Structures are given as structure tokens and as C-alpha cells.
PDB file of N, CA and C in Angstrom:
ATOM      1  N   UNK A   1     109.727 135.700 109.671  1.00  0.00           N
ATOM      2  CA  UNK A   1     109.586 134.280 109.822  1.00  0.00           C
ATOM      3  C   UNK A   1     110.398 133.598 108.839  1.00  0.00           C
ATOM      4  N   UNK A   2     111.003 132.386 109.152  1.00  0.00           N
ATOM      5  CA  UNK A   2     111.821 131.750 108.406  1.00  0.00           C
ATOM      6  C   UNK A   2     111.045 130.953 107.613  1.00  0.00           C
ATOM      7  N   UNK A   3     111.216 130.713 106.378  1.00  0.00           N
ATOM      8  CA  UNK A   3     110.581 129.980 105.391  1.00  0.00           C
ATOM      9  C   UNK A   3     110.448 128.136 106.059  1.00  0.00           C
ATOM     10  N   UNK A   4     111.382 127.816 106.899  1.00  0.00           N
ATOM     11  CA  UNK A   4     111.480 126.661 107.415  1.00  0.00           C
ATOM     12  C   UNK A   4     110.472 126.402 108.465  1.00  0.00           C
ATOM     13  N   UNK A   5     110.638 127.700 109.363  1.00  0.00           N
ATOM     14  CA  UNK A   5     109.529 127.687 110.595  1.00  0.00           C
ATOM     15  C   UNK A   5     107.968 127.426 109.949  1.00  0.00           C
ATOM     16  N   UNK A   6     108.061 128.256 108.949  1.00  0.00           N
ATOM     17  CA  UNK A   6     106.437 128.058 108.058  1.00  0.00           C
ATOM     18  C   UNK A   6     106.282 126.569 107.904  1.00  0.00           C
ATOM     19  N   UNK A   7     107.134 125.933 107.328  1.00  0.00           N
ATOM     20  CA  UNK A   7     106.859 124.292 106.745  1.00  0.00           C
ATOM     21  C   UNK A   7     106.582 123.656 108.193  1.00  0.00           C
ATOM     22  N   UNK A   8     107.410 123.865 109.271  1.00  0.00           N
ATOM     23  CA  UNK A   8     107.080 123.148 110.701  1.00  0.00           C
ATOM     24  C   UNK A   8     105.601 123.370 110.722  1.00  0.00           C
ATOM     25  N   UNK A   9     105.323 124.812 110.981  1.00  0.00           N
ATOM     26  CA  UNK A   9     103.754 125.096 111.303  1.00  0.00           C
ATOM     27  C   UNK A   9     102.839 124.298 110.440  1.00  0.00           C
ATOM     28  N   UNK A  10     103.255 124.262 109.121  1.00  0.00           N
ATOM     29  CA  UNK A  10     102.150 124.061 108.359  1.00  0.00           C
ATOM     30  C   UNK A  10     102.109 122.477 108.596  1.00  0.00           C
ATOM     31  N   UNK A  11     102.972 121.706 108.578  1.00  0.00           N
ATOM     32  CA  UNK A  11     103.235 120.173 109.158  1.00  0.00           C
ATOM     33  C   UNK A  11     102.234 120.016 110.160  1.00  0.00           C
ATOM     34  N   UNK A  12     102.672 120.696 111.277  1.00  0.00           N
ATOM     35  CA  UNK A  12     101.867 120.308 112.642  1.00  0.00           C
ATOM     36  C   UNK A  12     100.395 120.853 112.495  1.00  0.00           C
ATOM     37  N   UNK A  13      99.837 121.961 111.808  1.00  0.00           N
ATOM     38  CA  UNK A  13      98.334 122.100 111.345  1.00  0.00           C
ATOM     39  C   UNK A  13      97.774 120.654 110.613  1.00  0.00           C
ATOM     40  N   UNK A  14      98.469 120.529 109.499  1.00  0.00           N
ATOM     41  CA  UNK A  14      98.380 119.317 108.596  1.00  0.00           C
ATOM     42  C   UNK A  14      97.888 118.015 109.588  1.00  0.00           C
ATOM     43  N   UNK A  15      98.804 117.540 110.457  1.00  0.00           N
ATOM     44  CA  UNK A  15      98.684 116.721 111.120  1.00  0.00           C
ATOM     45  C   UNK A  15      97.671 116.579 112.090  1.00  0.00           C
ATOM     46  N   UNK A  16      97.445 117.805 112.653  1.00  0.00           N
ATOM     47  CA  UNK A  16      96.379 117.907 113.826  1.00  0.00           C
ATOM     48  C   UNK A  16      94.897 117.884 113.166  1.00  0.00           C
ATOM     49  N   UNK A  17      94.655 118.177 111.628  1.00  0.00           N
ATOM     50  CA  UNK A  17      93.761 118.379 111.116  1.00  0.00           C
ATOM     51  C   UNK A  17      93.421 117.120 110.387  1.00  0.00           C
ATOM     52  N   UNK A  18      94.258 116.624 109.727  1.00  0.00           N
ATOM     53  CA  UNK A  18      94.025 115.346 108.952  1.00  0.00           C
ATOM     54  C   UNK A  18      94.443 113.863 109.382  1.00  0.00           C
ATOM     55  N   UNK A  19      95.020 113.905 110.509  1.00  0.00           N
ATOM     56  CA  UNK A  19      95.693 112.589 110.813  1.00  0.00           C
ATOM     57  C   UNK A  19      94.388 111.662 111.172  1.00  0.00           C
ATOM     58  N   UNK A  20      93.280 112.026 112.203  1.00  0.00           N
ATOM     59  CA  UNK A  20      92.580 111.353 112.512  1.00  0.00           C
ATOM     60  C   UNK A  20      91.606 110.777 111.088  1.00  0.00           C
ATOM     61  N   UNK A  21      91.192 111.592 110.418  1.00  0.00           N
ATOM     62  CA  UNK A  21      90.294 111.176 109.147  1.00  0.00           C
ATOM     63  C   UNK A  21      90.831 110.141 108.566  1.00  0.00           C
ATOM     64  N   UNK A  22      92.321 110.355 108.287  1.00  0.00           N
ATOM     65  CA  UNK A  22      93.004 109.616 107.191  1.00  0.00           C
ATOM     66  C   UNK A  22      93.105 108.200 107.881  1.00  0.00           C
ATOM     67  N   UNK A  23      93.196 108.172 109.190  1.00  0.00           N
ATOM     68  CA  UNK A  23      93.590 107.147 110.084  1.00  0.00           C
ATOM     69  C   UNK A  23      92.419 106.357 110.241  1.00  0.00           C
ATOM     70  N   UNK A  24      91.300 106.870 110.351  1.00  0.00           N
ATOM     71  CA  UNK A  24      89.814 106.232 110.135  1.00  0.00           C
ATOM     72  C   UNK A  24      89.611 105.410 108.880  1.00  0.00           C
ATOM     73  N   UNK A  25      90.141 106.106 107.985  1.00  0.00           N
ATOM     74  CA  UNK A  25      89.878 105.431 106.633  1.00  0.00           C
ATOM     75  C   UNK A  25      90.776 104.325 106.358  1.00  0.00           C
ATOM     76  N   UNK A  26      92.032 104.478 106.730  1.00  0.00           N
ATOM     77  CA  UNK A  26      92.886 103.300 106.510  1.00  0.00           C
ATOM     78  C   UNK A  26      92.677 102.309 107.369  1.00  0.00           C
ATOM     79  N   UNK A  27      92.234 102.571 108.615  1.00  0.00           N
ATOM     80  CA  UNK A  27      91.963 101.332 109.654  1.00  0.00           C
ATOM     81  C   UNK A  27      90.467 100.471 109.059  1.00  0.00           C
ATOM     82  N   UNK A  28      89.518 101.425 108.386  1.00  0.00           N
ATOM     83  CA  UNK A  28      88.281 100.811 107.703  1.00  0.00           C
ATOM     84  C   UNK A  28      88.818  99.818 106.748  1.00  0.00           C
ATOM     85  N   UNK A  29      89.820 100.256 105.950  1.00  0.00           N
ATOM     86  CA  UNK A  29      90.164  99.261 104.818  1.00  0.00           C
ATOM     87  C   UNK A  29      91.028  98.201 105.470  1.00  0.00           C
ATOM     88  N   UNK A  30      91.210  98.038 106.674  1.00  0.00           N
ATOM     89  CA  UNK A  30      91.765  96.865 107.432  1.00  0.00           C
ATOM     90  C   UNK A  30      93.255  96.708 107.350  1.00  0.00           C
ATOM     91  N   UNK A  31      93.968  98.064 107.286  1.00  0.00           N
ATOM     92  CA  UNK A  31      95.607  97.959 107.157  1.00  0.00           C
ATOM     93  C   UNK A  31      95.943  97.975 108.527  1.00  0.00           C
ATOM     94  N   UNK A  32      97.240  97.796 108.644  1.00  0.00           N
ATOM     95  CA  UNK A  32      97.747  97.967 110.114  1.00  0.00           C
ATOM     96  C   UNK A  32      98.020  99.272 110.690  1.00  0.00           C
ATOM     97  N   UNK A  33      97.833  99.331 112.003  1.00  0.00           N
ATOM     98  CA  UNK A  33      98.203 100.746 112.448  1.00  0.00           C
ATOM     99  C   UNK A  33      99.141 101.615 112.260  1.00  0.00           C
ATOM    100  N   UNK A  34     100.566 100.892 112.411  1.00  0.00           N
ATOM    101  CA  UNK A  34     101.796 101.298 112.287  1.00  0.00           C
ATOM    102  C   UNK A  34     101.983 101.648 110.685  1.00  0.00           C
ATOM    103  N   UNK A  35     101.629 100.893 109.927  1.00  0.00           N
ATOM    104  CA  UNK A  35     101.814 101.155 108.240  1.00  0.00           C
ATOM    105  C   UNK A  35     100.898 102.272 107.991  1.00  0.00           C
ATOM    106  N   UNK A  36      99.740 102.685 108.797  1.00  0.00           N
ATOM    107  CA  UNK A  36      98.736 103.576 108.204  1.00  0.00           C
ATOM    108  C   UNK A  36      99.365 104.765 108.723  1.00  0.00           C
ATOM    109  N   UNK A  37      99.947 105.257 109.893  1.00  0.00           N
ATOM    110  CA  UNK A  37     100.563 106.064 110.597  1.00  0.00           C
ATOM    111  C   UNK A  37     101.923 106.456 109.592  1.00  0.00           C
ATOM    112  N   UNK A  38     102.721 105.471 109.001  1.00  0.00           N
ATOM    113  CA  UNK A  38     103.850 106.148 108.288  1.00  0.00           C
ATOM    114  C   UNK A  38     103.132 106.580 106.967  1.00  0.00           C
ATOM    115  N   UNK A  39     102.288 106.063 106.315  1.00  0.00           N
ATOM    116  CA  UNK A  39     101.878 106.334 105.082  1.00  0.00           C
ATOM    117  C   UNK A  39     101.110 107.900 105.089  1.00  0.00           C
ATOM    118  N   UNK A  40     100.644 107.975 106.164  1.00  0.00           N
ATOM    119  CA  UNK A  40      99.978 109.111 106.480  1.00  0.00           C
ATOM    120  C   UNK A  40     101.133 110.176 106.584  1.00  0.00           C
ATOM    121  N   UNK A  41     102.110 110.130 107.209  1.00  0.00           N
ATOM    122  CA  UNK A  41     103.525 110.997 107.269  1.00  0.00           C
ATOM    123  C   UNK A  41     104.092 111.360 106.170  1.00  0.00           C
ATOM    124  N   UNK A  42     103.927 110.237 105.225  1.00  0.00           N
ATOM    125  CA  UNK A  42     104.704 110.459 103.838  1.00  0.00           C
ATOM    126  C   UNK A  42     103.718 111.264 103.081  1.00  0.00           C
ATOM    127  N   UNK A  43     102.246 111.197 103.114  1.00  0.00           N
ATOM    128  CA  UNK A  43     101.551 111.998 102.397  1.00  0.00           C
ATOM    129  C   UNK A  43     101.385 113.593 102.869  1.00  0.00           C
ATOM    130  N   UNK A  44     101.473 113.675 103.987  1.00  0.00           N
ATOM    131  CA  UNK A  44     101.623 115.000 104.803  1.00  0.00           C
ATOM    132  C   UNK A  44     102.870 115.545 104.342  1.00  0.00           C
ATOM    133  N   UNK A  45     104.138 114.833 104.486  1.00  0.00           N
ATOM    134  CA  UNK A  45     105.364 115.399 104.024  1.00  0.00           C
ATOM    135  C   UNK A  45     105.531 116.035 102.718  1.00  0.00           C
ATOM    136  N   UNK A  46     104.941 115.098 101.617  1.00  0.00           N
ATOM    137  CA  UNK A  46     104.673 115.231 100.457  1.00  0.00           C
ATOM    138  C   UNK A  46     103.723 116.777 100.175  1.00  0.00           C
ATOM    139  N   UNK A  47     102.713 116.702 100.849  1.00  0.00           N
ATOM    140  CA  UNK A  47     102.161 118.095 100.776  1.00  0.00           C
ATOM    141  C   UNK A  47     102.613 119.317 101.290  1.00  0.00           C
ATOM    142  N   UNK A  48     103.671 119.024 102.081  1.00  0.00           N
ATOM    143  CA  UNK A  48     104.417 120.324 102.631  1.00  0.00           C
ATOM    144  C   UNK A  48     105.711 120.518 101.661  1.00  0.00           C
ATOM    145  N   UNK A  49     106.081 119.484 101.294  1.00  0.00           N
ATOM    146  CA  UNK A  49     107.308 119.583 100.064  1.00  0.00           C
ATOM    147  C   UNK A  49     106.594 120.516  99.006  1.00  0.00           C
ATOM    148  N   UNK A  50     105.344 120.023  98.394  1.00  0.00           N
ATOM    149  CA  UNK A  50     104.640 120.794  97.216  1.00  0.00           C
ATOM    150  C   UNK A  50     104.432 122.222  97.646  1.00  0.00           C
ATOM    151  N   UNK A  51     104.015 122.374  98.830  1.00  0.00           N
ATOM    152  CA  UNK A  51     103.592 123.892  99.433  1.00  0.00           C
ATOM    153  C   UNK A  51     104.955 124.715  99.692  1.00  0.00           C
ATOM    154  N   UNK A  52     105.948 124.064  99.983  1.00  0.00           N
ATOM    155  CA  UNK A  52     107.584 124.651 100.043  1.00  0.00           C
ATOM    156  C   UNK A  52     107.750 125.148  98.787  1.00  0.00           C
ATOM    157  N   UNK A  53     107.701 124.467  97.783  1.00  0.00           N
ATOM    158  CA  UNK A  53     108.176 124.524  96.743  1.00  0.00           C
ATOM    159  C   UNK A  53     107.569 125.645  95.673  1.00  0.00           C
ATOM    160  N   UNK A  54     106.323 125.457  95.595  1.00  0.00           N
ATOM    161  CA  UNK A  54     105.565 126.266  94.828  1.00  0.00           C
ATOM    162  C   UNK A  54     104.864 127.727  95.455  1.00  0.00           C
ATOM    163  N   UNK A  55     104.752 127.577  96.917  1.00  0.00           N
ATOM    164  CA  UNK A  55     104.093 128.863  97.499  1.00  0.00           C
ATOM    165  C   UNK A  55     105.010 129.527  98.613  1.00  0.00           C
ATOM    166  N   UNK A  56     105.476 128.968  99.311  1.00  0.00           N
ATOM    167  CA  UNK A  56     106.404 129.338 100.345  1.00  0.00           C
ATOM    168  C   UNK A  56     107.691 129.931  99.909  1.00  0.00           C
ATOM    169  N   UNK A  57     108.206 129.480  98.918  1.00  0.00           N
ATOM    170  CA  UNK A  57     109.515 129.859  98.305  1.00  0.00           C
ATOM    171  C   UNK A  57     109.228 131.029  97.401  1.00  0.00           C
ATOM    172  N   UNK A  58     108.059 131.281  97.059  1.00  0.00           N
ATOM    173  CA  UNK A  58     107.598 132.611  96.185  1.00  0.00           C
ATOM    174  C   UNK A  58     107.417 133.847  97.179  1.00  0.00           C
ATOM    175  N   UNK A  59     106.689 133.283  98.254  1.00  0.00           N
ATOM    176  CA  UNK A  59     106.185 134.616  99.124  1.00  0.00           C
ATOM    177  C   UNK A  59     107.054 134.773 100.463  1.00  0.00           C
ATOM    178  N   UNK A  60     107.772 133.752 100.759  1.00  0.00           N
ATOM    179  CA  UNK A  60     108.594 134.081 102.133  1.00  0.00           C
ATOM    180  C   UNK A  60     110.036 133.674 101.893  1.00  0.00           C
ATOM    181  N   UNK A  61     110.682 134.590 101.415  1.00  0.00           N
ATOM    182  CA  UNK A  61     112.034 134.560 101.020  1.00  0.00           C
ATOM    183  C   UNK A  61     113.100 135.476 102.152  1.00  0.00           C
TER     184      UNK A  61
END
């Protein structure tokens, strides 16, 4: 499996698991829906970059 395939799978799993809870929190704070979705995307992308840099690059070369 390619390291980038693992990144895509991780991102899709994170979106499916964390999108609804984070969206509910951000909407409860009164934020706009579009801004909330963009912020969730940035947060999840940052998580994927960190996991790629420190975990996947060591085990999936």
C-alpha cells in the first residue's frame, strides 16, 4: 500500500468519525455552517499531516 493511499484512507475515516460531533459543537457556538465545515477540514488535514510525518513515514516506506 502506498503511503498516500494510507493518507487518503485516514482522512476519509476521520471525516466520517469526527465531522458530525465537531459540526454540532461549532453550530452550538453559533458559527456559520460553511465556516464550520472549512475549519473542520483544516483541522482534519492538519491531523493527517502530523500522522503522515511522524507515523506513516516511519512504517510505510
